[in-house]
Amino acid sequence: MSMLSINPATGQTLQSFATWQTDEINTVLSQVESAQTGWAALSFEQRSRMMRNLAQVFRQNSEDYANLITDEMGKLLKEAGAEVEKCAIGCDHYADHAQSYLSDEMIASDASRSLVVYQPLGTVLCIMPWNFPFWQLIRAAAPAMMAGNTVVLKHASNVPRCALALEDAFQQAGFPAHTFRTLMITAEQAEAVVADKRIAAVTLTGSSTAGRRVAAIAGQHLKKCVLELGGSDPFIVFDDADIELTARQALLARFQNMGQSCIAAKRFILLDSIADSFVEHFKTLVDQLHSGDPKNDATGIAPLAREDLRIQLHAQVERSLISGAKLVIGGSFMGTQGAYYYAPTILDHVRPGMPAFDEELFGPVAAIVRVKNTEEAIRLANLTPFGLGGSIWTRDTVRGEALARQIHAGSVFVNGIVKSDPRLPFGGVKDSGYGRELSYHGIREFVNIKTVWIK
């Protein structure tokens, strides 16, 4: 079996990679397991030096990495460049803060001296998606490795060149051999790796279906796992919001990375009194987006990452229209033959029971939901199996904060689009998963929180 690197903007196959056989997988897992003891024995200062080197590797090779991301999964080149810089920022953050995040904690008890220490678990398996092929890995691997764990990566099968480039980046940064390795394996092979005794813990970013499967295997083998899964984030606009400004933010929240983001705004919940005005502003902005070469700065519409994703998205749109949603703009394939473009789409009058409300739309489709009052807005925001993020738009920030506490999600932003930030914990509830990445919460996920009691 082979992994294909395909350019979504042209449909051209760029490169093919053979998947590994069992012997090669076993060899690498043993090497990474053996490297972990020496890696954990290094001081925070030594590990930090290499993590800062990795940040420099990302910055020095930013143009090459951005072009690689765009070629392999299709995002706009300017967005790919921002992703690479975010990786550097994440590396710098954990280089600066890992030691303080994991410093011994003294606690008064009946002992002469009692404390909590944080020690690495071993080797962490990172199962990562294609939509942010560099950042998703770094936000998991940087804290795990600064804590003293080694890491193996099972990347999405459609971004094999990104997966190998990440391994090379760690090597360029001077990390000891086998402290980070990429496994060129299929999803089926990854299940066996999850169960392997040389793997101490697992982190997965992906679909709820994949999360359930990985969690089941990890549970059978009593392994810690962190799951960051799908989302159907509400974007709630109240009648005192600045409609023109909010519509511009909505454009970014929905169509960044062509909507292929777990934390992209997906359900736009609008008070009836401002809904018509918002939709008019929003449609005007969406209409100004033009498709083209994702490496051209003037391009606003990039392709989706794969053809099957485009087909699935269009089916969700069509089923929503049959169920009563109204098409404002878009709703069709676009681009030349072989390319994976989909027209930016707005569906209005979306209600529960429609795919556009009930399911995650992983692409450039915005669902407009109209409500009569605040209570209905909050009820519908929470009427979803997902709970990753959400945003509230209002001039009354006191009310905004109070309502944010009522949203069932891992993060809620008031007057800002949902984003990940190394300083803040990131993750979800319900079908969006469990556990946290980033901040000190993330680095403490894959450590042994050990009590030491002395009399």
Protein backbone atom coordinates (compact mmCIF):
# COMPACT_ATOMS: atom_id res chain seq x y z
CA MET A 1 0.00 0.00 0.00
CA SER A 2 1.20 3.52 -0.69
CA MET A 3 0.49 7.06 0.49
CA LEU A 4 -0.11 9.65 -2.22
CA SER A 5 0.82 13.29 -1.99
CA ILE A 6 -1.71 15.07 -4.26
CA ASN A 7 -1.92 18.78 -5.01
CA PRO A 8 -5.58 19.71 -4.32
CA ALA A 9 -5.38 22.77 -6.60
CA THR A 10 -4.54 20.65 -9.66
CA GLY A 11 -5.28 17.04 -8.77
CA GLN A 12 -1.69 16.19 -9.72
CA THR A 13 0.08 13.39 -7.84
CA LEU A 14 3.30 14.87 -6.47
CA GLN A 15 4.88 11.82 -4.87
CA SER A 16 4.10 8.32 -3.67
CA PHE A 17 5.39 6.68 -0.48
CA ALA A 18 5.31 3.00 0.45
CA THR A 19 3.84 2.26 3.86
CA TRP A 20 6.08 0.50 6.33
CA GLN A 21 6.11 -3.19 7.07
CA THR A 22 5.83 -4.57 10.62
CA ASP A 23 9.59 -5.06 11.03
CA GLU A 24 10.34 -1.41 10.29
CA ILE A 25 7.62 -0.24 12.70
CA ASN A 26 9.02 -2.46 15.45
CA THR A 27 12.57 -1.24 14.89
CA VAL A 28 11.60 2.43 15.17
CA LEU A 29 9.36 1.92 18.22
CA SER A 30 12.23 0.19 20.01
CA GLN A 31 14.64 2.97 19.05
CA VAL A 32 12.31 5.68 20.31
CA GLU A 33 11.63 3.78 23.54
CA SER A 34 15.38 3.39 24.14
CA ALA A 35 16.02 7.09 23.45
CA GLN A 36 13.48 8.23 26.03
CA THR A 37 15.57 7.53 29.13
CA GLY A 38 18.47 9.66 27.95
CA TRP A 39 16.14 12.41 26.77
CA ALA A 40 14.35 12.56 30.13
CA ALA A 41 17.70 12.71 31.92
CA LEU A 42 18.58 16.01 30.23
CA SER A 43 17.95 19.21 32.14
CA PHE A 44 15.15 21.58 31.19
CA GLU A 45 17.83 23.99 30.04
CA GLN A 46 19.25 21.43 27.63
CA ARG A 47 15.85 20.48 26.24
CA SER A 48 14.88 24.15 25.98
CA ARG A 49 17.97 24.89 23.90
CA MET A 50 16.92 22.33 21.31
CA MET A 51 13.31 23.50 21.35
CA ARG A 52 14.47 27.05 20.62
CA ASN A 53 16.61 25.64 17.81
CA LEU A 54 13.47 24.04 16.39
CA ALA A 55 11.73 27.42 16.45
CA GLN A 56 14.64 28.81 14.44
CA VAL A 57 14.43 25.95 11.96
CA PHE A 58 10.78 26.80 11.35
CA ARG A 59 11.54 30.49 10.86
CA GLN A 60 14.58 29.93 8.64
CA ASN A 61 12.70 27.49 6.42
CA SER A 62 9.32 29.21 6.62
CA GLU A 63 8.97 29.79 2.89
CA ASP A 64 9.82 26.20 1.98
CA TYR A 65 7.53 24.75 4.64
CA ALA A 66 4.65 27.05 3.66
CA ASN A 67 4.96 26.01 0.01
CA LEU A 68 5.02 22.37 1.07
CA ILE A 69 1.83 22.77 3.12
CA THR A 70 0.07 24.56 0.26
CA ASP A 71 1.17 22.01 -2.32
CA GLU A 72 0.10 19.06 -0.21
CA MET A 73 -3.16 20.13 1.45
CA GLY A 74 -4.16 23.20 -0.51
CA LYS A 75 -4.44 26.07 1.97
CA LEU A 76 -3.62 29.62 0.93
CA LEU A 77 0.12 30.25 1.01
CA LYS A 78 -0.27 33.24 3.33
CA GLU A 79 -2.19 31.04 5.79
CA ALA A 80 0.46 28.33 5.52
CA GLY A 81 3.17 30.86 6.36
CA ALA A 82 1.22 31.96 9.43
CA GLU A 83 0.92 28.32 10.50
CA VAL A 84 4.68 27.84 10.35
CA GLU A 85 5.27 30.96 12.44
CA LYS A 86 2.74 29.71 14.98
CA CYS A 87 4.82 26.54 15.31
CA ALA A 88 7.86 28.66 16.13
CA ILE A 89 5.88 30.60 18.72
CA GLY A 90 4.68 27.36 20.31
CA CYS A 91 8.23 26.00 20.52
CA ASP A 92 9.48 29.21 22.11
CA HIS A 93 6.61 29.18 24.61
CA TYR A 94 7.42 25.72 25.96
CA ALA A 95 11.16 26.38 25.86
CA ASP A 96 10.50 29.38 28.12
CA HIS A 97 7.83 27.95 30.42
CA ALA A 98 8.12 24.15 30.64
CA GLN A 99 10.31 24.22 33.73
CA SER A 100 7.96 26.49 35.67
CA TYR A 101 4.91 24.50 34.50
CA LEU A 102 6.48 21.29 35.85
CA SER A 103 8.32 22.57 38.89
CA ASP A 104 7.92 20.61 42.14
CA GLU A 105 4.89 21.65 44.17
CA MET A 106 5.27 21.69 47.95
CA ILE A 107 2.10 20.79 49.87
CA ALA A 108 1.60 20.87 53.64
CA SER A 109 0.49 17.53 55.11
CA ASP A 110 1.18 15.25 58.06
CA ALA A 111 4.65 14.58 56.62
CA SER A 112 7.81 16.43 57.49
CA ARG A 113 7.95 17.28 53.79
CA SER A 114 5.52 16.38 51.03
CA LEU A 115 5.55 17.43 47.44
CA VAL A 116 4.18 16.69 43.99
CA VAL A 117 6.63 16.03 41.15
CA TYR A 118 5.89 15.77 37.44
CA GLN A 119 7.74 13.05 35.52
CA PRO A 120 7.45 11.84 31.91
CA LEU A 121 5.44 8.75 31.01
CA GLY A 122 7.58 7.43 28.13
CA THR A 123 6.75 7.57 24.42
CA VAL A 124 3.67 9.43 23.21
CA LEU A 125 1.96 8.52 19.94
CA CYS A 126 0.58 11.59 18.11
CA ILE A 127 -2.14 10.79 15.55
CA MET A 128 -2.56 14.02 13.63
CA PRO A 129 -4.87 15.43 10.89
CA TRP A 130 -4.07 17.14 7.61
CA ASN A 131 -5.79 20.51 8.07
CA PHE A 132 -2.96 22.15 10.04
CA PRO A 133 -0.25 19.62 9.21
CA PHE A 134 2.57 21.39 11.09
CA TRP A 135 0.81 23.18 13.95
CA GLN A 136 -1.36 20.29 15.10
CA LEU A 137 1.75 18.19 15.66
CA ILE A 138 3.85 20.90 17.30
CA ARG A 139 1.17 21.91 19.80
CA ALA A 140 1.11 18.30 21.01
CA ALA A 141 4.77 17.34 20.60
CA ALA A 142 6.43 20.47 22.03
CA PRO A 143 4.93 20.14 25.53
CA ALA A 144 5.18 16.33 25.53
CA MET A 145 8.86 16.45 24.64
CA MET A 146 9.72 19.30 26.99
CA ALA A 147 8.23 17.13 29.75
CA GLY A 148 10.79 14.42 28.87
CA ASN A 149 8.70 12.14 26.67
CA THR A 150 9.75 10.96 23.25
CA VAL A 151 7.24 11.18 20.38
CA VAL A 152 6.21 9.16 17.35
CA LEU A 153 3.95 10.70 14.71
CA LYS A 154 1.27 8.97 12.67
CA HIS A 155 0.20 11.71 10.29
CA ALA A 156 -2.78 11.84 7.93
CA SER A 157 -2.15 9.75 4.82
CA ASN A 158 -2.58 12.69 2.43
CA VAL A 159 0.28 14.77 3.93
CA PRO A 160 3.24 12.35 3.92
CA ARG A 161 5.74 14.97 2.78
CA CYS A 162 4.75 17.25 5.66
CA ALA A 163 5.17 14.31 8.03
CA LEU A 164 8.71 13.63 6.83
CA ALA A 165 9.59 17.33 6.82
CA LEU A 166 8.65 17.52 10.51
CA GLU A 167 11.01 14.66 11.37
CA ASP A 168 13.76 16.40 9.41
CA ALA A 169 13.08 19.66 11.29
CA PHE A 170 13.72 17.96 14.63
CA GLN A 171 16.94 16.52 13.25
CA GLN A 172 18.07 19.93 11.99
CA ALA A 173 17.39 21.37 15.45
CA GLY A 174 19.81 18.89 17.02
CA PHE A 175 17.40 16.68 18.96
CA PRO A 176 19.02 13.36 19.91
CA ALA A 177 18.45 10.52 17.46
CA HIS A 178 15.05 8.81 17.71
CA THR A 179 13.53 11.26 20.21
CA PHE A 180 11.05 12.19 17.45
CA ARG A 181 10.17 9.88 14.58
CA THR A 182 7.55 9.79 11.85
CA LEU A 183 5.82 6.46 11.22
CA MET A 184 4.77 5.93 7.61
CA ILE A 185 1.77 3.75 8.46
CA THR A 186 -1.93 3.38 7.70
CA ALA A 187 -4.82 3.97 10.10
CA GLU A 188 -5.19 0.21 10.50
CA GLN A 189 -1.52 -0.16 11.41
CA ALA A 190 -1.86 2.72 13.87
CA GLU A 191 -4.36 0.70 15.92
CA ALA A 192 -1.67 -1.86 16.63
CA VAL A 193 0.76 0.91 17.60
CA VAL A 194 -1.78 2.34 20.08
CA ALA A 195 -1.89 -1.09 21.73
CA ASP A 196 1.90 -1.59 21.65
CA LYS A 197 3.58 -1.77 25.08
CA ARG A 198 6.27 0.67 23.96
CA ILE A 199 3.65 3.41 23.65
CA ALA A 200 2.80 5.02 27.00
CA ALA A 201 0.07 7.44 25.90
CA VAL A 202 -1.79 8.71 22.84
CA THR A 203 -3.02 12.07 21.60
CA LEU A 204 -5.34 12.32 18.61
CA THR A 205 -6.81 15.22 16.70
CA GLY A 206 -9.46 14.13 14.23
CA SER A 207 -13.03 12.99 13.84
CA SER A 208 -15.27 11.78 16.64
CA THR A 209 -15.36 8.38 14.94
CA ALA A 210 -11.58 8.09 15.01
CA GLY A 211 -11.53 9.35 18.59
CA ARG A 212 -13.92 6.66 19.76
CA ARG A 213 -11.85 3.97 18.09
CA VAL A 214 -8.55 5.15 19.57
CA ALA A 215 -10.08 5.70 23.00
CA ALA A 216 -11.48 2.15 22.98
CA ILE A 217 -8.09 0.62 22.18
CA ALA A 218 -6.25 2.87 24.64
CA GLY A 219 -8.81 1.98 27.31
CA GLN A 220 -8.32 -1.72 26.77
CA HIS A 221 -4.62 -1.20 27.47
CA LEU A 222 -5.09 1.36 30.27
CA LYS A 223 -3.30 4.15 28.44
CA LYS A 224 -3.86 7.85 28.91
CA CYS A 225 -5.18 9.63 25.84
CA VAL A 226 -6.11 13.18 24.88
CA LEU A 227 -8.73 13.64 22.16
CA GLU A 228 -9.39 16.86 20.23
CA LEU A 229 -12.25 15.99 17.91
CA GLY A 230 -14.86 17.68 15.74
CA GLY A 231 -16.84 20.81 16.40
CA SER A 232 -19.90 22.76 15.32
CA ASP A 233 -19.05 26.07 16.92
CA PRO A 234 -21.82 28.63 17.41
CA PHE A 235 -21.16 32.26 16.43
CA ILE A 236 -23.85 34.17 18.32
CA VAL A 237 -24.63 37.74 17.25
CA PHE A 238 -26.80 39.90 19.52
CA ASP A 239 -28.73 42.98 18.49
CA ASP A 240 -26.27 45.43 20.07
CA ALA A 241 -23.27 44.13 18.09
CA ASP A 242 -21.48 46.18 15.44
CA ILE A 243 -22.94 44.31 12.46
CA GLU A 244 -20.45 45.44 9.81
CA LEU A 245 -17.45 44.64 12.00
CA THR A 246 -18.96 41.32 13.12
CA ALA A 247 -19.66 40.27 9.52
CA ARG A 248 -16.00 40.84 8.64
CA GLN A 249 -14.94 38.70 11.58
CA ALA A 250 -17.48 36.06 10.55
CA LEU A 251 -15.84 35.84 7.13
CA LEU A 252 -12.52 34.96 8.75
CA ALA A 253 -14.10 32.68 11.34
CA ARG A 254 -15.89 30.59 8.73
CA PHE A 255 -13.66 30.69 5.63
CA GLN A 256 -10.13 30.65 7.04
CA ASN A 257 -8.43 27.46 5.83
CA MET A 258 -11.53 27.09 3.62
CA GLY A 259 -13.56 26.21 6.70
CA GLN A 260 -11.50 23.08 7.30
CA SER A 261 -11.00 23.65 11.01
CA CYS A 262 -12.56 22.08 14.08
CA ILE A 263 -12.86 25.52 15.68
CA ALA A 264 -14.18 27.34 12.62
CA ALA A 265 -17.50 29.07 13.27
CA LYS A 266 -20.14 26.87 11.67
CA ARG A 267 -23.57 27.88 13.01
CA PHE A 268 -24.24 31.63 12.91
CA ILE A 269 -26.99 32.23 15.45
CA LEU A 270 -28.56 35.64 14.89
CA LEU A 271 -31.23 37.65 16.69
CA ASP A 272 -34.16 38.19 14.32
CA SER A 273 -33.87 41.96 14.60
CA ILE A 274 -30.41 42.05 13.00
CA ALA A 275 -30.43 38.85 10.93
CA ASP A 276 -31.32 40.45 7.58
CA SER A 277 -28.67 43.14 7.97
CA PHE A 278 -25.99 40.64 8.99
CA VAL A 279 -26.76 38.25 6.12
CA GLU A 280 -26.64 41.14 3.63
CA HIS A 281 -23.22 42.30 4.87
CA PHE A 282 -21.95 38.72 5.07
CA LYS A 283 -23.10 37.85 1.54
CA THR A 284 -21.40 40.94 0.12
CA LEU A 285 -18.11 39.93 1.70
CA VAL A 286 -18.38 36.30 0.61
CA ASP A 287 -19.21 37.41 -2.94
CA GLN A 288 -15.88 39.25 -3.10
CA LEU A 289 -13.87 36.05 -2.57
CA HIS A 290 -12.27 34.76 -5.75
CA SER A 291 -10.80 31.36 -6.48
CA GLY A 292 -7.39 30.84 -7.99
CA ASP A 293 -3.85 29.70 -7.34
CA PRO A 294 -3.52 29.36 -3.54
CA LYS A 295 0.00 30.79 -3.82
CA ASN A 296 -1.33 34.06 -5.24
CA ASP A 297 -1.90 36.70 -2.53
CA ALA A 298 -5.05 37.90 -4.31
CA THR A 299 -6.73 34.49 -4.08
CA GLY A 300 -9.45 34.19 -1.45
CA ILE A 301 -10.75 30.69 -2.25
CA ALA A 302 -8.43 27.73 -1.93
CA PRO A 303 -9.30 24.12 -2.76
CA LEU A 304 -10.48 21.59 -0.22
CA ALA A 305 -7.86 19.05 0.76
CA ARG A 306 -9.43 16.00 -0.91
CA GLU A 307 -12.10 15.22 -3.47
CA ASP A 308 -14.04 12.93 -1.12
CA LEU A 309 -14.34 15.81 1.36
CA ARG A 310 -15.80 18.05 -1.36
CA ILE A 311 -18.33 15.40 -2.35
CA GLN A 312 -19.38 14.83 1.26
CA LEU A 313 -19.77 18.56 1.91
CA HIS A 314 -21.93 19.06 -1.18
CA ALA A 315 -24.17 16.18 -0.12
CA GLN A 316 -24.69 17.86 3.27
CA VAL A 317 -25.62 21.12 1.53
CA GLU A 318 -28.09 19.42 -0.79
CA ARG A 319 -29.76 17.51 2.04
CA SER A 320 -30.08 20.74 4.04
CA LEU A 321 -31.73 22.48 1.08
CA ILE A 322 -34.17 19.59 0.67
CA SER A 323 -34.99 19.96 4.39
CA GLY A 324 -35.91 23.63 3.98
CA ALA A 325 -32.73 25.69 4.20
CA LYS A 326 -32.48 28.60 1.77
CA LEU A 327 -29.45 29.07 -0.47
CA VAL A 328 -28.06 32.62 -0.27
CA ILE A 329 -24.88 32.09 -2.27
CA GLY A 330 -22.68 29.24 -3.50
CA GLY A 331 -23.68 25.61 -3.09
CA SER A 332 -21.75 24.17 -6.03
CA PHE A 333 -18.47 22.69 -7.23
CA MET A 334 -16.13 25.11 -8.93
CA GLY A 335 -12.71 25.19 -10.56
CA THR A 336 -11.06 23.24 -13.35
CA GLN A 337 -11.33 19.50 -13.74
CA GLY A 338 -9.16 17.65 -11.24
CA ALA A 339 -9.10 20.49 -8.70
CA TYR A 340 -11.03 20.31 -5.43
CA TYR A 341 -12.63 23.76 -5.18
CA TYR A 342 -16.04 24.38 -3.63
CA ALA A 343 -17.91 27.68 -3.81
CA PRO A 344 -18.18 29.59 -0.50
CA THR A 345 -21.74 28.99 0.59
CA ILE A 346 -24.30 30.59 2.90
CA LEU A 347 -27.41 28.64 3.93
CA ASP A 348 -30.14 30.69 5.64
CA HIS A 349 -33.08 29.60 7.81
CA VAL A 350 -31.21 26.55 9.07
CA ARG A 351 -32.93 24.68 11.89
CA PRO A 352 -32.31 21.61 14.04
CA GLY A 353 -32.86 18.41 12.07
CA MET A 354 -30.94 19.67 9.03
CA PRO A 355 -27.40 18.42 8.30
CA ALA A 356 -26.18 22.03 8.33
CA PHE A 357 -27.25 22.27 11.97
CA ASP A 358 -26.77 18.75 13.31
CA GLU A 359 -23.52 17.76 11.60
CA GLU A 360 -20.06 19.26 11.31
CA LEU A 361 -19.63 20.97 7.94
CA PHE A 362 -15.89 20.72 7.30
CA GLY A 363 -15.62 23.22 4.50
CA PRO A 364 -16.69 26.69 3.30
CA VAL A 365 -20.37 26.54 4.24
CA ALA A 366 -21.98 28.91 6.76
CA ALA A 367 -25.30 28.01 8.38
CA ILE A 368 -27.53 30.95 9.39
CA VAL A 369 -29.84 30.21 12.34
CA ARG A 370 -32.40 32.88 13.29
CA VAL A 371 -33.67 33.16 16.88
CA LYS A 372 -36.19 35.32 18.72
CA ASN A 373 -34.33 35.98 21.96
CA THR A 374 -31.29 35.32 24.11
CA GLU A 375 -32.73 32.19 25.70
CA GLU A 376 -33.34 30.57 22.32
CA ALA A 377 -29.85 31.55 21.17
CA ILE A 378 -28.19 29.79 24.11
CA ARG A 379 -30.48 26.76 23.84
CA LEU A 380 -29.71 26.24 20.16
CA ALA A 381 -26.00 26.93 20.67
CA ASN A 382 -25.93 24.03 23.11
CA LEU A 383 -28.20 21.80 21.00
CA THR A 384 -25.30 19.91 19.43
CA PRO A 385 -23.31 16.78 20.23
CA PHE A 386 -20.15 18.88 19.96
CA GLY A 387 -18.57 21.22 22.49
CA LEU A 388 -15.27 22.58 21.22
CA GLY A 389 -15.56 26.36 20.91
CA GLY A 390 -17.98 29.23 20.44
CA SER A 391 -18.10 32.99 20.20
CA ILE A 392 -20.47 35.72 21.37
CA TRP A 393 -20.71 39.16 19.77
CA THR A 394 -22.12 42.03 21.82
CA ARG A 395 -21.12 45.49 23.01
CA ASP A 396 -22.15 44.49 26.53
CA THR A 397 -19.09 42.50 27.64
CA VAL A 398 -20.51 41.89 31.12
CA ARG A 399 -23.49 40.11 29.57
CA GLY A 400 -21.14 38.45 27.07
CA GLU A 401 -19.07 36.89 29.85
CA ALA A 402 -22.18 35.75 31.73
CA LEU A 403 -23.54 34.07 28.60
CA ALA A 404 -20.13 32.55 27.77
CA ARG A 405 -20.39 30.62 31.03
CA GLN A 406 -23.64 29.07 29.77
CA ILE A 407 -22.16 27.69 26.54
CA HIS A 408 -21.16 24.02 26.71
CA ALA A 409 -17.70 24.22 25.14
CA GLY A 410 -14.02 24.06 25.94
CA SER A 411 -13.53 27.71 25.02
CA VAL A 412 -15.81 30.66 24.39
CA PHE A 413 -14.58 33.97 22.99
CA VAL A 414 -16.47 37.24 23.47
CA ASN A 415 -15.98 39.62 20.53
CA GLY A 416 -13.22 37.50 19.04
CA ILE A 417 -12.95 34.46 16.80
CA VAL A 418 -12.02 31.16 18.43
CA LYS A 419 -8.31 30.34 18.14
CA SER A 420 -5.64 28.29 19.87
CA ASP A 421 -2.97 30.10 21.89
CA PRO A 422 0.00 28.42 23.65
CA ARG A 423 -0.79 30.45 26.78
CA LEU A 424 -4.36 29.12 27.09
CA PRO A 425 -5.71 25.55 27.45
CA PHE A 426 -7.40 24.11 24.37
CA GLY A 427 -9.82 21.20 24.06
CA GLY A 428 -13.47 20.23 24.15
CA VAL A 429 -16.33 18.44 25.87
CA LYS A 430 -19.03 16.03 24.69
CA ASP A 431 -18.24 14.59 21.25
CA SER A 432 -15.44 17.12 20.83
CA GLY A 433 -13.26 15.00 23.08
CA TYR A 434 -11.49 15.33 26.41
CA GLY A 435 -8.17 16.38 27.86
CA ARG A 436 -6.40 19.64 27.10
CA GLU A 437 -3.57 20.84 24.93
CA LEU A 438 -1.42 23.96 25.42
CA SER A 439 -0.71 26.08 28.50
CA TYR A 440 0.39 24.27 31.66
CA HIS A 441 -2.71 22.09 31.44
CA GLY A 442 -1.43 20.54 28.20
CA ILE A 443 2.08 19.77 29.40
CA ARG A 444 0.68 18.03 32.48
CA GLU A 445 -1.45 15.61 30.45
CA PHE A 446 1.43 13.24 29.71
CA VAL A 447 3.30 13.17 32.99
CA ASN A 448 3.13 11.08 36.11
CA ILE A 449 1.78 13.41 38.79
CA LYS A 450 3.66 11.79 41.66
CA THR A 451 3.29 12.40 45.37
CA VAL A 452 6.50 12.20 47.42
CA TRP A 453 5.94 11.96 51.21
CA ILE A 454 8.84 12.22 53.70
CA LYS A 455 8.79 11.85 57.51
